[in-house]
């Protein structure tokens, strides 16, 4: 698994949940615990909205049945657009 994180190492993103928090290195984030990212397009895209809804709905089940610790939806958009989607 560690090899899969290498291409994402050094790629930093900001959370809209806590805009004051420092940027997070995706590679580091993925290497701590059982975590996953869902890469979407932009916040107004129908598919991104659907992925977000499904993540929210299935998150308790993914934690219970698959043992995931954290998940994140990564979008290519302005923070304000991501906040509206969240």
Protein backbone atom coordinates (compact mmCIF):
# COMPACT_ATOMS: atom_id res chain seq x y z
CA UNK A 1 0.00 0.00 0.00
CA UNK A 2 2.79 2.48 0.78
CA UNK A 3 3.80 2.60 -2.88
CA UNK A 4 0.31 3.77 -3.88
CA UNK A 5 0.73 6.90 -1.76
CA UNK A 6 3.98 8.05 -3.36
CA UNK A 7 2.43 9.78 -6.42
CA UNK A 8 0.23 11.83 -4.08
CA UNK A 9 3.02 12.73 -1.68
CA UNK A 10 3.63 16.46 -1.76
CA UNK A 11 0.16 17.29 -3.11
CA UNK A 12 -1.51 19.56 -0.55
CA UNK A 13 -5.17 20.45 -0.18
CA UNK A 14 -7.17 22.71 2.14
CA UNK A 15 -10.19 21.61 4.11
CA UNK A 16 -13.39 23.63 3.84
CA UNK A 17 -14.51 22.10 7.13
CA UNK A 18 -11.78 24.09 8.92
CA UNK A 19 -10.40 26.87 6.68
CA UNK A 20 -7.96 27.96 9.41
CA UNK A 21 -6.26 24.55 9.48
CA UNK A 22 -3.00 24.16 7.56
CA UNK A 23 -2.97 22.44 4.18
CA UNK A 24 -2.91 18.65 4.30
CA UNK A 25 -0.48 16.52 2.30
CA UNK A 26 -2.63 13.83 0.64
CA UNK A 27 0.14 11.23 0.73
CA UNK A 28 0.70 11.73 4.45
CA UNK A 29 -3.03 11.72 5.16
CA UNK A 30 -3.55 8.45 3.29
CA UNK A 31 -0.63 6.77 5.04
CA UNK A 32 -2.09 7.26 8.55
CA UNK A 33 -4.83 4.73 9.20
CA UNK A 34 -7.30 3.25 6.76
CA UNK A 35 -8.39 6.32 4.81
CA UNK A 36 -9.54 7.08 1.29
CA UNK A 37 -10.09 9.99 -1.06
CA UNK A 38 -12.81 10.34 -3.66
CA UNK A 39 -11.62 12.61 -6.44
CA UNK A 40 -14.44 14.58 -8.00
CA UNK A 41 -14.67 17.31 -10.59
CA UNK A 42 -16.20 20.66 -9.61
CA UNK A 43 -18.79 21.25 -6.92
CA UNK A 44 -21.71 21.95 -9.28
CA UNK A 45 -21.14 18.77 -11.28
CA UNK A 46 -24.01 16.31 -10.95
CA UNK A 47 -21.66 13.34 -10.43
CA UNK A 48 -19.73 15.13 -7.68
CA UNK A 49 -22.99 15.92 -5.92
CA UNK A 50 -24.06 12.27 -6.21
CA UNK A 51 -20.70 11.04 -4.85
CA UNK A 52 -21.01 13.41 -1.91
CA UNK A 53 -24.52 12.21 -1.13
CA UNK A 54 -23.51 8.57 -1.36
CA UNK A 55 -20.44 9.08 0.82
CA UNK A 56 -22.57 10.72 3.50
CA UNK A 57 -25.20 7.96 3.32
CA UNK A 58 -22.81 5.00 3.24
CA UNK A 59 -20.13 6.37 5.59
CA UNK A 60 -21.39 4.55 8.73
CA UNK A 61 -21.51 1.30 6.79
CA UNK A 62 -18.03 1.81 5.32
CA UNK A 63 -16.67 2.39 8.81
CA UNK A 64 -18.42 -0.62 10.28
CA UNK A 65 -17.98 -3.17 7.49
CA UNK A 66 -14.72 -2.04 5.88
CA UNK A 67 -12.99 -0.44 8.87
CA UNK A 68 -12.27 2.95 7.30
CA UNK A 69 -11.09 5.68 9.66
CA UNK A 70 -11.52 8.74 7.43
CA UNK A 71 -12.68 9.69 3.96
CA UNK A 72 -12.50 12.91 1.98
CA UNK A 73 -14.09 14.25 -1.17
CA UNK A 74 -11.59 16.27 -3.19
CA UNK A 75 -13.06 18.76 -5.67
CA UNK A 76 -11.52 21.18 -8.13
CA UNK A 77 -13.39 24.34 -7.16
CA UNK A 78 -13.36 27.50 -5.11
CA UNK A 79 -13.74 27.01 -1.33
CA UNK A 80 -17.13 28.74 -1.36
CA UNK A 81 -18.50 26.24 -3.88
CA UNK A 82 -17.23 23.29 -1.84
CA UNK A 83 -18.79 24.75 1.32
CA UNK A 84 -22.17 24.98 -0.39
CA UNK A 85 -21.90 21.34 -1.45
CA UNK A 86 -20.82 20.22 2.03
